[in-house]
Amino acid sequence: MFETLSGRLGRAMDALKGRGRITEDNIADTVRQVRMALLEADVALPVVKGFVERVRQRAVGVEVTRSLSPGQAFIKIIRDEMITLLGGETVALDLRAQPPVVILLVGLQGAGKTTTAGKLARWLRETQRKSVLLVSADVHRPAAIDQLERLAEQVGVDFWRAPQGAQPAEIAAQARKQAQLKGRDVLILDTAGRLHVDEGLMSEAAAVQQAVAPQETLFVVDSMAGQDAVNAARAFHEALALTGVVLTKIDGDARGGAALSVREITGVPIKLVGRGEKLDALEAFHPDRMASRILGMGDVLSLVEEVERKVDQDKARALAGKLKQGKGFDLADLRDQLRQMLDMGGLGALLDKLPANMGGGAMKAAQQQFDDRQVRRQIAIIDSMTPGERRHPKTITGSRKRRIAAGSGLAIPDVNRLLKQHGQMQKMMKKMGKGGGLKNMMRGLSGGRGPR
């Protein structure tokens, strides 16, 4: 995420690290590099100009020139201004209203509104303990209604299908009554999109908004759309008075232009970000954490929260107890750890939240050598074993390896690599066994390679 921007900013700031004295000349050079990094990341020109000017004014002042560590002081300025650019304070969804609280999702076609509706329903149910009703007011795309119904079933919330022939504003009003009758806390309304902003789209969305007076009107935008995303956000905000933005597909955005522009251009806070296709891939937006991630400082706090939310605590305690008692870390334990890692978005998603300099080159090497496809192949190998073989890997002879390789659709060398890596992890777990778990597993993965 934001690899291009992070790399360019990192190189710009590295030039100032360790300097005993900061002059206007070397600050000017670094500010120029920061400007180029932002422009190449597709950040809107007015946003770049304002950001760079604020950084320059602070950098040539007392704050940096009289600092004992001028390079670090400059980096702090960049981070502070980026936090301001992203919105400053975290702005949560406003759910403080008489139920049902109505959340209206608007945006262009292809931005991921329907998927976001499902993710948001799950997020509200699991993190906010809210009962949710999902309804589609998209009368132009029947497939969108069917998709939302499937998503509602998958995330365990209610769905209501409007009578055929009803218009969007009418659907919205009836949906609110249904949510009241069912006693639901939140009503999420998905709306139609277009490939571009037009009068028909805006008038339809405005009619839906007027019919239900939503507590939240969220603009769902594809973060990879760059300047188009910013322009669309501005147009929707002028027509509808948005209360927030949801950035989708943020894991695929190497540039970061939309994230850094949309808040400044519209004045509307980014409230949620979606990454990946999984229905649990939605998280609250924290400007300070995002700024740290963009600058390669990591986001360990979000990682800790994700581990607490997604890791099976009972299994973690059971594994810790097992290791404390001196029992081995077997292949079934390894499979559990690998599955938990995939549930959290894979190794790449985990490393993305760690500081860039953590673990030296080992973490980077792990990401390059050990992708999520390899994780799934390792799980397939372990699944092809008998329970006894998982508990006692030393019993796996040549003939058993051939059977396991055939069962997993892989080759014998792949099985050998897995067994070798497991042996290394088993030794490591024995030494570091107090707690075990994902942290230790990741350390083990950074030194091992899976089947390719």
Protein backbone atom coordinates (compact mmCIF):
# COMPACT_ATOMS: atom_id res chain seq x y z
CA MET A 1 0.00 0.00 0.00
CA PHE A 2 1.37 3.41 -1.08
CA GLU A 3 4.70 1.77 -1.94
CA THR A 4 5.63 4.39 -4.52
CA LEU A 5 4.91 7.35 -2.25
CA SER A 6 6.52 5.71 0.79
CA GLY A 7 9.68 4.93 -1.15
CA ARG A 8 10.07 8.43 -2.55
CA LEU A 9 9.37 10.16 0.76
CA GLY A 10 11.70 7.78 2.55
CA ARG A 11 14.57 8.63 0.20
CA ALA A 12 13.86 12.34 0.54
CA MET A 13 13.99 12.24 4.32
CA ASP A 14 16.97 9.87 4.51
CA ALA A 15 19.07 12.68 3.06
CA LEU A 16 18.53 14.72 6.26
CA LYS A 17 19.03 11.95 8.79
CA GLY A 18 22.14 12.32 10.88
CA ARG A 19 22.93 15.84 9.69
CA GLY A 20 24.28 17.97 12.47
CA ARG A 21 23.18 21.16 10.78
CA ILE A 22 20.19 21.92 8.58
CA THR A 23 20.45 24.81 6.13
CA GLU A 24 17.86 26.47 3.93
CA ASP A 25 19.58 24.93 0.90
CA ASN A 26 19.35 21.29 1.97
CA ILE A 27 15.83 21.84 3.33
CA ALA A 28 14.83 23.33 -0.03
CA ASP A 29 16.22 20.28 -1.83
CA THR A 30 14.35 17.87 0.44
CA VAL A 31 11.11 19.86 0.17
CA ARG A 32 11.47 19.73 -3.62
CA GLN A 33 11.82 15.94 -3.46
CA VAL A 34 8.75 15.72 -1.22
CA ARG A 35 6.82 17.84 -3.75
CA MET A 36 7.82 15.53 -6.61
CA ALA A 37 6.91 12.45 -4.56
CA LEU A 38 3.40 13.80 -3.92
CA LEU A 39 2.85 14.82 -7.55
CA GLU A 40 3.99 11.40 -8.79
CA ALA A 41 1.57 9.83 -6.30
CA ASP A 42 -1.25 11.66 -8.14
CA VAL A 43 -2.01 13.99 -5.23
CA ALA A 44 -4.04 17.01 -6.41
CA LEU A 45 -1.84 20.01 -7.28
CA PRO A 46 -3.57 22.49 -4.89
CA VAL A 47 -3.12 19.97 -2.08
CA VAL A 48 0.58 19.53 -2.90
CA LYS A 49 1.17 23.30 -2.98
CA GLY A 50 -0.48 23.87 0.40
CA PHE A 51 1.27 20.90 2.03
CA VAL A 52 4.73 21.80 0.75
CA GLU A 53 4.39 25.45 1.73
CA ARG A 54 3.35 24.56 5.30
CA VAL A 55 6.27 22.13 5.59
CA ARG A 56 8.74 24.67 4.19
CA GLN A 57 7.61 27.44 6.56
CA ARG A 58 7.96 25.20 9.59
CA ALA A 59 11.23 23.65 8.40
CA VAL A 60 13.14 26.93 7.98
CA GLY A 61 11.98 28.13 11.37
CA VAL A 62 13.35 27.65 14.87
CA GLU A 63 11.65 24.25 15.14
CA VAL A 64 14.29 22.58 12.94
CA THR A 65 17.34 24.84 12.88
CA ARG A 66 17.71 24.89 16.68
CA SER A 67 16.85 21.23 17.16
CA LEU A 68 19.51 18.86 18.54
CA SER A 69 18.43 16.39 15.85
CA PRO A 70 17.38 18.48 12.82
CA GLY A 71 16.74 15.49 10.54
CA GLN A 72 14.33 13.91 13.00
CA ALA A 73 12.65 17.27 13.62
CA PHE A 74 12.03 17.62 9.87
CA ILE A 75 10.57 14.12 9.66
CA LYS A 76 8.24 14.99 12.54
CA ILE A 77 7.06 18.07 10.64
CA ILE A 78 6.30 15.94 7.56
CA ARG A 79 4.33 13.47 9.71
CA ASP A 80 2.43 16.22 11.57
CA GLU A 81 1.43 17.96 8.34
CA MET A 82 0.42 14.66 6.73
CA ILE A 83 -1.82 13.89 9.73
CA THR A 84 -3.43 17.31 9.27
CA LEU A 85 -3.82 16.64 5.54
CA LEU A 86 -5.57 13.33 6.27
CA GLY A 87 -8.00 14.99 8.67
CA GLY A 88 -6.21 15.37 11.99
CA GLU A 89 -8.51 13.59 14.43
CA THR A 90 -10.20 10.24 13.88
CA VAL A 91 -13.86 10.80 13.02
CA ALA A 92 -16.06 7.81 13.87
CA LEU A 93 -19.42 6.93 12.36
CA ASP A 94 -22.20 8.84 14.10
CA LEU A 95 -24.57 6.21 15.47
CA ARG A 96 -26.04 8.43 18.18
CA ALA A 97 -29.61 8.67 16.94
CA GLN A 98 -32.97 7.03 17.51
CA PRO A 99 -32.89 3.57 15.87
CA PRO A 100 -32.86 2.74 13.12
CA VAL A 101 -29.81 4.84 12.30
CA VAL A 102 -29.75 5.18 8.51
CA ILE A 103 -26.44 4.93 6.64
CA LEU A 104 -26.67 5.84 2.96
CA LEU A 105 -23.91 4.66 0.60
CA VAL A 106 -23.39 6.60 -2.64
CA GLY A 107 -20.75 6.64 -5.34
CA LEU A 108 -19.84 5.70 -8.89
CA GLN A 109 -20.31 2.26 -10.38
CA GLY A 110 -17.37 -0.05 -9.77
CA ALA A 111 -16.18 1.69 -6.59
CA GLY A 112 -17.31 -1.25 -4.45
CA LYS A 113 -20.48 0.15 -2.82
CA THR A 114 -22.33 -3.17 -2.59
CA THR A 115 -19.35 -5.06 -1.21
CA THR A 116 -18.73 -2.19 1.21
CA ALA A 117 -22.35 -2.44 2.38
CA GLY A 118 -21.75 -6.08 3.31
CA LYS A 119 -18.41 -5.30 4.97
CA LEU A 120 -19.96 -2.42 6.91
CA ALA A 121 -22.84 -4.61 8.10
CA ARG A 122 -20.36 -7.17 9.41
CA TRP A 123 -18.17 -4.47 10.98
CA LEU A 124 -21.17 -2.91 12.78
CA ARG A 125 -22.38 -6.30 14.00
CA GLU A 126 -18.99 -7.52 15.24
CA THR A 127 -17.29 -4.37 16.54
CA GLN A 128 -20.26 -2.18 17.51
CA ARG A 129 -22.70 -4.95 18.49
CA LYS A 130 -25.42 -3.48 16.26
CA SER A 131 -28.27 -5.33 14.56
CA VAL A 132 -28.37 -4.40 10.88
CA LEU A 133 -30.83 -4.44 7.98
CA LEU A 134 -29.35 -4.32 4.45
CA VAL A 135 -31.45 -2.92 1.60
CA SER A 136 -30.64 -2.11 -2.02
CA ALA A 137 -32.24 0.92 -3.67
CA ASP A 138 -30.54 0.13 -6.99
CA VAL A 139 -33.40 -0.38 -9.47
CA HIS A 140 -31.07 -0.39 -12.48
CA ARG A 141 -28.98 -3.47 -11.69
CA PRO A 142 -30.92 -6.52 -10.43
CA ALA A 143 -27.60 -8.34 -9.98
CA ALA A 144 -26.65 -5.78 -7.34
CA ILE A 145 -29.77 -6.66 -5.31
CA ASP A 146 -28.99 -10.39 -5.54
CA GLN A 147 -25.37 -9.73 -4.58
CA LEU A 148 -26.40 -7.74 -1.52
CA GLU A 149 -28.80 -10.48 -0.45
CA ARG A 150 -25.98 -13.05 -0.63
CA LEU A 151 -23.67 -10.76 1.32
CA ALA A 152 -26.31 -10.27 4.04
CA GLU A 153 -26.56 -14.04 4.42
CA GLN A 154 -22.77 -14.41 4.57
CA VAL A 155 -22.30 -11.78 7.28
CA GLY A 156 -25.34 -12.84 9.30
CA VAL A 157 -27.61 -9.79 9.02
CA ASP A 158 -31.15 -9.21 7.74
CA PHE A 159 -31.99 -8.31 4.15
CA TRP A 160 -35.18 -6.82 2.74
CA ARG A 161 -36.07 -6.93 -0.96
CA ALA A 162 -38.28 -4.11 -2.20
CA PRO A 163 -41.40 -4.84 -4.30
CA GLN A 164 -40.71 -4.89 -8.04
CA GLY A 165 -41.35 -1.55 -9.74
CA ALA A 166 -40.75 0.59 -6.64
CA GLN A 167 -38.65 3.73 -7.15
CA PRO A 168 -35.45 4.40 -5.11
CA ALA A 169 -36.95 7.06 -2.81
CA GLU A 170 -39.98 4.86 -2.16
CA ILE A 171 -37.73 1.86 -1.45
CA ALA A 172 -35.73 3.94 1.04
CA ALA A 173 -38.86 5.05 2.94
CA GLN A 174 -40.24 1.50 3.05
CA ALA A 175 -36.85 0.15 4.13
CA ARG A 176 -36.85 2.48 7.11
CA LYS A 177 -40.29 1.21 8.16
CA GLN A 178 -39.07 -2.38 7.81
CA ALA A 179 -36.05 -1.62 10.02
CA GLN A 180 -38.36 -0.11 12.63
CA LEU A 181 -40.72 -3.11 12.52
CA LYS A 182 -37.82 -5.54 12.86
CA GLY A 183 -36.28 -3.48 15.68
CA ARG A 184 -32.94 -3.12 13.93
CA ASP A 185 -30.33 -0.64 15.17
CA VAL A 186 -28.95 0.32 11.76
CA LEU A 187 -30.32 0.44 8.21
CA ILE A 188 -27.70 0.39 5.45
CA LEU A 189 -29.01 1.61 2.09
CA ASP A 190 -27.03 0.73 -1.04
CA THR A 191 -27.75 2.96 -4.06
CA ALA A 192 -27.21 2.84 -7.81
CA GLY A 193 -24.04 4.09 -9.41
CA ARG A 194 -23.02 5.31 -12.85
CA LEU A 195 -19.75 5.16 -14.74
CA HIS A 196 -19.54 8.95 -14.41
CA VAL A 197 -21.21 11.81 -12.55
CA ASP A 198 -24.47 12.86 -14.25
CA GLU A 199 -27.66 14.71 -13.42
CA GLY A 200 -29.80 11.55 -13.24
CA LEU A 201 -27.50 9.91 -10.72
CA MET A 202 -27.39 12.99 -8.50
CA SER A 203 -31.14 13.64 -8.53
CA GLU A 204 -31.86 9.99 -7.69
CA ALA A 205 -29.39 9.98 -4.80
CA ALA A 206 -30.76 13.31 -3.55
CA ALA A 207 -34.33 11.93 -3.60
CA VAL A 208 -33.25 8.90 -1.53
CA GLN A 209 -31.44 11.15 0.94
CA GLN A 210 -34.50 13.39 1.29
CA ALA A 211 -36.80 10.39 1.82
CA VAL A 212 -34.93 9.03 4.86
CA ALA A 213 -32.73 11.88 6.20
CA PRO A 214 -29.76 9.55 6.87
CA GLN A 215 -27.51 10.03 9.86
CA GLU A 216 -24.54 9.21 7.64
CA THR A 217 -24.19 9.73 3.89
CA LEU A 218 -20.95 8.03 2.93
CA PHE A 219 -19.24 8.44 -0.42
CA VAL A 220 -17.63 5.14 -1.43
CA VAL A 221 -14.64 5.71 -3.67
CA ASP A 222 -12.03 3.50 -5.32
CA SER A 223 -8.71 4.80 -3.98
CA MET A 224 -6.95 3.69 -7.18
CA ALA A 225 -9.06 6.14 -9.24
CA GLY A 226 -6.71 9.01 -8.27
CA GLN A 227 -7.85 12.43 -9.50
CA ASP A 228 -11.14 11.00 -10.80
CA ALA A 229 -11.94 9.90 -7.25
CA VAL A 230 -11.32 13.40 -5.91
CA ASN A 231 -13.40 15.08 -8.62
CA ALA A 232 -16.29 12.66 -8.07
CA ALA A 233 -16.14 13.21 -4.30
CA ARG A 234 -16.33 16.97 -4.79
CA ALA A 235 -19.35 16.64 -7.12
CA PHE A 236 -21.23 14.31 -4.76
CA HIS A 237 -20.50 16.52 -1.78
CA GLU A 238 -21.86 19.61 -3.55
CA ALA A 239 -25.07 17.73 -4.42
CA LEU A 240 -25.64 15.70 -1.25
CA ALA A 241 -23.72 17.16 1.69
CA LEU A 242 -21.70 14.06 2.50
CA THR A 243 -20.81 13.19 6.08
CA GLY A 244 -17.88 10.92 5.31
CA VAL A 245 -15.82 8.97 2.80
CA VAL A 246 -15.04 5.25 2.54
CA LEU A 247 -11.84 4.49 0.61
CA THR A 248 -11.94 1.05 -1.02
CA LYS A 249 -9.19 -1.12 -2.57
CA ILE A 250 -6.61 0.76 -0.56
CA ASP A 251 -4.34 -2.30 -0.51
CA GLY A 252 -3.93 -2.04 -4.29
CA ASP A 253 -3.10 1.68 -4.29
CA ALA A 254 0.65 2.09 -4.68
CA ARG A 255 0.37 5.86 -5.13
CA GLY A 256 -1.92 7.20 -2.40
CA GLY A 257 -3.17 10.28 -4.26
CA ALA A 258 -6.85 9.82 -3.41
CA ALA A 259 -6.25 9.27 0.30
CA LEU A 260 -4.13 12.40 0.54
CA SER A 261 -6.40 14.57 -1.62
CA VAL A 262 -10.02 13.73 -0.88
CA ARG A 263 -10.10 15.07 2.69
CA GLU A 264 -8.40 18.35 1.79
CA ILE A 265 -10.44 18.99 -1.36
CA THR A 266 -13.89 18.16 0.05
CA GLY A 267 -13.46 18.90 3.75
CA VAL A 268 -15.24 15.58 4.37
CA PRO A 269 -13.52 13.17 6.77
CA ILE A 270 -12.40 9.71 5.67
CA LYS A 271 -14.16 7.40 8.13
CA LEU A 272 -13.47 3.88 6.87
CA VAL A 273 -11.02 2.10 4.57
CA GLY A 274 -11.48 -1.21 2.80
CA ARG A 275 -8.66 -3.47 1.77
CA GLY A 276 -9.03 -6.75 -0.11
CA GLU A 277 -12.12 -8.72 -1.04
CA LYS A 278 -12.73 -10.47 2.27
CA LEU A 279 -15.81 -9.34 4.17
CA ASP A 280 -13.78 -8.57 7.30
CA ALA A 281 -11.43 -6.30 5.33
CA LEU A 282 -12.83 -3.00 6.60
CA GLU A 283 -11.32 -0.83 9.30
CA ALA A 284 -11.76 2.58 10.90
CA PHE A 285 -9.58 5.32 9.42
CA HIS A 286 -7.01 6.87 11.75
CA PRO A 287 -5.09 9.80 10.18
CA ASP A 288 -2.11 9.45 12.52
CA ARG A 289 -1.75 5.72 11.88
CA MET A 290 -2.11 6.15 8.12
CA ALA A 291 0.52 8.91 8.09
CA SER A 292 2.93 6.63 9.94
CA ARG A 293 2.32 3.82 7.44
CA ILE A 294 2.88 6.13 4.47
CA LEU A 295 6.17 7.31 6.02
CA GLY A 296 7.34 3.74 6.65
CA MET A 297 6.91 4.00 10.43
CA GLY A 298 4.39 1.17 10.58
CA ASP A 299 1.08 0.86 12.39
CA VAL A 300 1.70 -1.57 15.20
CA LEU A 301 -1.36 -0.39 17.16
CA SER A 302 -3.72 -1.43 14.34
CA LEU A 303 -1.85 -4.72 14.04
CA VAL A 304 -2.31 -5.43 17.75
CA GLU A 305 -6.03 -4.59 17.51
CA GLU A 306 -6.39 -6.89 14.49
CA VAL A 307 -4.61 -9.75 16.24
CA GLU A 308 -6.85 -9.35 19.30
CA ARG A 309 -9.95 -9.31 17.11
CA LYS A 310 -9.13 -12.10 14.65
CA VAL A 311 -6.81 -14.53 16.39
CA ASP A 312 -8.61 -17.38 18.11
CA GLN A 313 -7.72 -16.62 21.72
CA ASP A 314 -8.67 -20.09 22.96
CA LYS A 315 -6.33 -21.73 20.45
CA ALA A 316 -3.58 -19.25 21.30
CA ARG A 317 -3.88 -20.05 25.02
CA ALA A 318 -3.97 -23.77 24.28
CA LEU A 319 -0.80 -23.52 22.18
CA ALA A 320 0.95 -21.44 24.86
CA GLY A 321 0.01 -23.99 27.52
CA LYS A 322 1.18 -26.84 25.32
CA LEU A 323 4.57 -25.23 24.74
CA LYS A 324 5.01 -24.40 28.43
CA GLN A 325 4.43 -28.05 29.27
CA GLY A 326 7.27 -28.97 26.95
CA LYS A 327 5.04 -30.52 24.30
CA GLY A 328 6.18 -30.04 20.71
CA PHE A 329 4.90 -27.59 18.12
CA ASP A 330 3.40 -30.05 15.64
CA LEU A 331 2.20 -29.63 12.06
CA ALA A 332 -1.43 -29.17 13.12
CA ASP A 333 -0.28 -26.17 15.21
CA LEU A 334 1.60 -24.80 12.19
CA ARG A 335 -1.53 -25.15 10.06
CA ASP A 336 -3.59 -23.21 12.63
CA GLN A 337 -1.01 -20.40 12.63
CA LEU A 338 -0.91 -20.25 8.84
CA ARG A 339 -4.70 -20.08 8.64
CA GLN A 340 -4.83 -17.27 11.20
CA MET A 341 -2.24 -15.35 9.19
CA LEU A 342 -4.38 -15.67 6.04
CA ASP A 343 -7.44 -14.56 8.01
CA MET A 344 -5.63 -11.31 8.79
CA GLY A 345 -4.92 -10.62 5.13
CA GLY A 346 -1.75 -12.65 4.67
CA LEU A 347 1.90 -11.97 5.36
CA GLY A 348 1.97 -8.85 3.18
CA ALA A 349 -0.87 -7.22 5.13
CA LEU A 350 0.91 -7.95 8.42
CA LEU A 351 4.29 -6.65 7.26
CA ASP A 352 2.59 -3.55 5.85
CA LYS A 353 1.75 -2.51 9.41
CA LEU A 354 5.30 -3.03 10.72
CA PRO A 355 7.93 -0.25 10.58
CA ALA A 356 10.01 -0.43 7.40
CA ASN A 357 13.25 -0.78 9.36
CA MET A 358 12.01 -3.50 11.70
CA GLY A 359 13.97 -6.69 11.33
CA GLY A 360 16.35 -5.24 8.74
CA GLY A 361 16.15 -6.93 5.35
CA ALA A 362 14.82 -10.18 6.77
CA MET A 363 11.20 -9.05 6.82
CA LYS A 364 11.41 -7.77 3.25
CA ALA A 365 13.00 -11.02 2.18
CA ALA A 366 10.22 -12.96 3.89
CA GLN A 367 7.59 -11.05 1.95
CA GLN A 368 9.36 -11.67 -1.36
CA GLN A 369 10.06 -15.36 -0.71
CA PHE A 370 6.93 -16.40 1.13
CA ASP A 371 3.73 -15.13 -0.48
CA ASP A 372 0.16 -16.17 0.33
CA ARG A 373 0.04 -18.76 -2.44
CA GLN A 374 2.89 -20.58 -0.74
CA VAL A 375 1.00 -20.41 2.57
CA ARG A 376 -2.01 -22.07 0.95
CA ARG A 377 0.23 -24.74 -0.60
CA GLN A 378 1.71 -25.48 2.80
CA ILE A 379 -1.77 -25.82 4.28
CA ALA A 380 -2.66 -28.20 1.41
CA ILE A 381 0.40 -30.34 2.20
CA ILE A 382 -0.52 -30.55 5.89
CA ASP A 383 -4.15 -31.33 5.01
CA SER A 384 -2.93 -34.29 2.93
CA MET A 385 -1.32 -35.87 6.01
CA THR A 386 -2.95 -38.21 8.50
CA PRO A 387 -3.57 -36.92 12.06
CA GLY A 388 -0.74 -39.16 13.24
CA GLU A 389 1.69 -37.72 10.70
CA ARG A 390 0.79 -34.18 11.78
CA ARG A 391 1.52 -35.05 15.40
CA HIS A 392 4.70 -36.99 14.61
CA PRO A 393 6.43 -35.58 11.50
CA LYS A 394 9.44 -37.87 11.99
CA THR A 395 7.30 -40.82 10.91
CA ILE A 396 6.93 -39.36 7.41
CA THR A 397 9.09 -41.66 5.25
CA GLY A 398 9.74 -41.55 1.52
CA SER A 399 6.60 -43.47 0.55
CA ARG A 400 4.49 -41.25 2.78
CA LYS A 401 6.03 -38.17 1.22
CA ARG A 402 5.02 -39.43 -2.23
CA ARG A 403 1.42 -39.95 -1.04
CA ILE A 404 1.29 -36.50 0.64
CA ALA A 405 2.75 -34.79 -2.45
CA ALA A 406 0.21 -36.49 -4.71
CA GLY A 407 -2.64 -35.63 -2.36
CA SER A 408 -1.72 -31.94 -2.27
CA GLY A 409 -0.96 -31.69 -6.00
CA LEU A 410 2.63 -30.67 -5.27
CA ALA A 411 6.08 -32.26 -5.51
CA ILE A 412 8.17 -34.19 -2.97
CA PRO A 413 10.72 -31.32 -2.67
CA ASP A 414 7.82 -29.08 -1.56
CA VAL A 415 7.00 -31.56 1.20
CA ASN A 416 10.67 -31.70 2.20
CA ARG A 417 10.88 -27.90 2.40
CA LEU A 418 7.82 -27.76 4.64
CA LEU A 419 9.19 -30.45 6.96
CA LYS A 420 12.57 -28.69 7.14
CA GLN A 421 10.93 -25.35 7.92
CA HIS A 422 8.70 -26.96 10.55
CA GLY A 423 11.76 -28.51 12.17
CA GLN A 424 13.41 -25.08 12.39
CA MET A 425 10.26 -23.55 13.84
CA GLN A 426 9.92 -26.37 16.34
CA LYS A 427 13.41 -25.61 17.70
CA MET A 428 12.66 -21.91 17.81
CA MET A 429 9.33 -22.47 19.61
CA LYS A 430 11.10 -24.59 22.19
CA LYS A 431 13.52 -21.75 22.95
CA MET A 432 10.98 -18.94 22.80
CA GLY A 433 7.95 -20.96 23.76
CA LYS A 434 6.42 -18.80 26.43
CA GLY A 435 3.50 -17.35 24.40
CA GLY A 436 4.32 -18.84 21.00
CA GLY A 437 1.74 -17.69 18.52
CA LEU A 438 1.74 -15.50 15.48
CA LYS A 439 4.65 -13.27 16.49
CA ASN A 440 7.03 -16.20 16.80
CA MET A 441 5.62 -17.80 13.68
CA MET A 442 6.41 -14.67 11.66
CA ARG A 443 9.98 -14.70 12.94
CA GLY A 444 10.24 -18.29 11.84
CA LEU A 445 8.83 -17.52 8.42
CA SER A 446 11.39 -14.77 7.83
CA GLY A 447 14.10 -17.43 7.86
CA GLY A 448 12.32 -20.20 5.97
CA ARG A 449 11.01 -20.76 2.48
CA GLY A 450 7.90 -22.64 1.52
CA PRO A 451 7.00 -24.59 -1.60
CA ARG A 452 7.11 -22.57 -4.77
